[in-house]
Structures are given as C-alpha cells and as structure tokens.
Amino acid sequence: MPGDDQVTDEQVQKWADEAEAGYDVEQLKRRGRGRPGRGAEPTQVIAVRLTAEEIAALDDYAAREHLSRSEAIRRALAGYAA
C-alpha cells in the first residue's frame, strides 16, 4: 500500500480472512528475511559522505544506466579497481 496513509475496512477484512484461513508455514520459512544476498560471501554496509554535487552526478549516471545508486557505485569501484 505505498502512498496510502489509511487502511480501509475492506483491507482489514481481507487480512482477517487471510489470517483465519491460515498460513503455509513452510512457504513463509522459505521466503527468508531481509534483502537477498549478493553472492556466497557476506557483504558489509559502508557509509560514505558525498556532496550534493556528487550525489547529483551519481543519480544522473544511475538514471541513465537504469541502475540503483548502490549498483552505480559498485560499477564505478569495479572500473576504478580494474
């Protein structure tokens, strides 16, 4: 419900009906939690401070290439390290 700030009575009823019907516990366990991994090795989040101009340039590049900010940064680092 992105963008919605109120839950309708119909949505509450739908959730209640779903809960009363029961959930497939095995399916819920298979779904996992959190973001999917990027490979076999664990990853680490690293904070980087950027100026407004750097962020604008990053966003422009990411938009042109249809990438997320993170993927644009990973590609830039791969190119730099190559």
C-alpha atoms as a PDB file:
ATOM      1  CA  MET A   1       0.000   0.000   0.000  1.00  0.00           C
ATOM      2  CA  PRO A   2       2.711   2.503  -0.854  1.00  0.00           C
ATOM      3  CA  GLY A   3       1.421   6.054  -0.745  1.00  0.00           C
ATOM      4  CA  ASP A   4      -1.692   5.155   1.206  1.00  0.00           C
ATOM      5  CA  ASP A   5      -1.989   6.663   4.652  1.00  0.00           C
ATOM      6  CA  GLN A   6      -5.234   4.963   5.697  1.00  0.00           C
ATOM      7  CA  VAL A   7      -6.280   1.335   5.880  1.00  0.00           C
ATOM      8  CA  THR A   8      -9.781   0.644   4.608  1.00  0.00           C
ATOM      9  CA  ASP A   9     -12.312  -1.619   6.291  1.00  0.00           C
ATOM     10  CA  GLU A  10     -12.139  -3.836   3.208  1.00  0.00           C
ATOM     11  CA  GLN A  11      -8.367  -4.256   3.604  1.00  0.00           C
ATOM     12  CA  VAL A  12      -8.746  -5.113   7.290  1.00  0.00           C
ATOM     13  CA  GLN A  13     -11.377  -7.713   6.394  1.00  0.00           C
ATOM     14  CA  LYS A  14      -9.127  -9.178   3.690  1.00  0.00           C
ATOM     15  CA  TRP A  15      -6.257  -9.510   6.186  1.00  0.00           C
ATOM     16  CA  ALA A  16      -8.557 -11.062   8.778  1.00  0.00           C
ATOM     17  CA  ASP A  17      -9.917 -13.587   6.251  1.00  0.00           C
ATOM     18  CA  GLU A  18      -6.388 -14.478   5.190  1.00  0.00           C
ATOM     19  CA  ALA A  19      -5.272 -14.970   8.794  1.00  0.00           C
ATOM     20  CA  GLU A  20      -8.321 -17.083   9.656  1.00  0.00           C
ATOM     21  CA  ALA A  21      -7.703 -19.319   6.631  1.00  0.00           C
ATOM     22  CA  GLY A  22      -4.197 -19.964   7.959  1.00  0.00           C
ATOM     23  CA  TYR A  23      -0.730 -19.531   6.537  1.00  0.00           C
ATOM     24  CA  ASP A  24       1.567 -22.067   4.918  1.00  0.00           C
ATOM     25  CA  VAL A  25       4.356 -22.056   7.500  1.00  0.00           C
ATOM     26  CA  GLU A  26       6.808 -23.865   5.218  1.00  0.00           C
ATOM     27  CA  GLN A  27       6.298 -21.264   2.500  1.00  0.00           C
ATOM     28  CA  LEU A  28       6.864 -18.458   4.982  1.00  0.00           C
ATOM     29  CA  LYS A  29      10.094 -20.074   6.165  1.00  0.00           C
ATOM     30  CA  ARG A  30      11.390 -20.433   2.580  1.00  0.00           C
ATOM     31  CA  ARG A  31      10.792 -16.755   1.894  1.00  0.00           C
ATOM     32  CA  GLY A  32      13.646 -15.734   4.173  1.00  0.00           C
ATOM     33  CA  ARG A  33      14.196 -12.389   5.802  1.00  0.00           C
ATOM     34  CA  GLY A  34      15.890  -9.221   4.720  1.00  0.00           C
ATOM     35  CA  ARG A  35      17.465  -8.403   1.404  1.00  0.00           C
ATOM     36  CA  PRO A  36      18.670 -11.214  -0.815  1.00  0.00           C
ATOM     37  CA  GLY A  37      22.394 -11.878  -0.721  1.00  0.00           C
ATOM     38  CA  ARG A  38      24.747 -10.720  -3.458  1.00  0.00           C
ATOM     39  CA  GLY A  39      26.759 -13.926  -3.545  1.00  0.00           C
ATOM     40  CA  ALA A  40      28.352 -16.609  -1.444  1.00  0.00           C
ATOM     41  CA  GLU A  41      30.356 -14.197   0.698  1.00  0.00           C
ATOM     42  CA  PRO A  42      28.834 -11.949   3.362  1.00  0.00           C
ATOM     43  CA  THR A  43      28.598  -8.278   2.453  1.00  0.00           C
ATOM     44  CA  GLN A  44      29.195  -5.186   4.554  1.00  0.00           C
ATOM     45  CA  VAL A  45      27.459  -1.826   4.523  1.00  0.00           C
ATOM     46  CA  ILE A  46      29.870   1.116   4.298  1.00  0.00           C
ATOM     47  CA  ALA A  47      28.765   4.704   4.877  1.00  0.00           C
ATOM     48  CA  VAL A  48      30.222   7.299   2.507  1.00  0.00           C
ATOM     49  CA  ARG A  49      29.713  11.052   2.710  1.00  0.00           C
ATOM     50  CA  LEU A  50      29.067  12.773  -0.609  1.00  0.00           C
ATOM     51  CA  THR A  51      28.477  16.405  -1.515  1.00  0.00           C
ATOM     52  CA  ALA A  52      25.218  17.463  -3.136  1.00  0.00           C
ATOM     53  CA  GLU A  53      27.042  17.730  -6.455  1.00  0.00           C
ATOM     54  CA  GLU A  54      28.468  14.216  -6.138  1.00  0.00           C
ATOM     55  CA  ILE A  55      25.042  12.810  -5.315  1.00  0.00           C
ATOM     56  CA  ALA A  56      23.513  14.616  -8.296  1.00  0.00           C
ATOM     57  CA  ALA A  57      26.193  13.197 -10.595  1.00  0.00           C
ATOM     58  CA  LEU A  58      25.686   9.715  -9.148  1.00  0.00           C
ATOM     59  CA  ASP A  59      21.915   9.941  -9.559  1.00  0.00           C
ATOM     60  CA  ASP A  60      22.282  11.204 -13.137  1.00  0.00           C
ATOM     61  CA  TYR A  61      24.562   8.299 -14.012  1.00  0.00           C
ATOM     62  CA  ALA A  62      22.329   5.747 -12.276  1.00  0.00           C
ATOM     63  CA  ALA A  63      19.243   7.068 -14.087  1.00  0.00           C
ATOM     64  CA  ARG A  64      20.989   6.988 -17.482  1.00  0.00           C
ATOM     65  CA  GLU A  65      22.133   3.406 -16.922  1.00  0.00           C
ATOM     66  CA  HIS A  66      18.892   2.291 -15.189  1.00  0.00           C
ATOM     67  CA  LEU A  67      20.760   1.349 -12.012  1.00  0.00           C
ATOM     68  CA  SER A  68      20.262   1.826  -8.312  1.00  0.00           C
ATOM     69  CA  ARG A  69      22.698   4.132  -6.530  1.00  0.00           C
ATOM     70  CA  SER A  70      24.358   1.117  -4.942  1.00  0.00           C
ATOM     71  CA  GLU A  71      24.859  -0.670  -8.248  1.00  0.00           C
ATOM     72  CA  ALA A  72      26.222   2.513  -9.853  1.00  0.00           C
ATOM     73  CA  ILE A  73      28.756   2.844  -7.029  1.00  0.00           C
ATOM     74  CA  ARG A  74      29.731  -0.849  -7.290  1.00  0.00           C
ATOM     75  CA  ARG A  75      30.301  -0.475 -11.052  1.00  0.00           C
ATOM     76  CA  ALA A  76      32.364   2.679 -10.546  1.00  0.00           C
ATOM     77  CA  LEU A  77      34.524   0.912  -7.953  1.00  0.00           C
ATOM     78  CA  ALA A  78      34.951  -2.128 -10.211  1.00  0.00           C
ATOM     79  CA  GLY A  79      36.065   0.158 -13.046  1.00  0.00           C
ATOM     80  CA  TYR A  80      38.457   2.024 -10.771  1.00  0.00           C
ATOM     81  CA  ALA A  81      39.993  -1.137  -9.377  1.00  0.00           C
ATOM     82  CA  ALA A  82      40.384  -2.779 -12.807  1.00  0.00           C
END
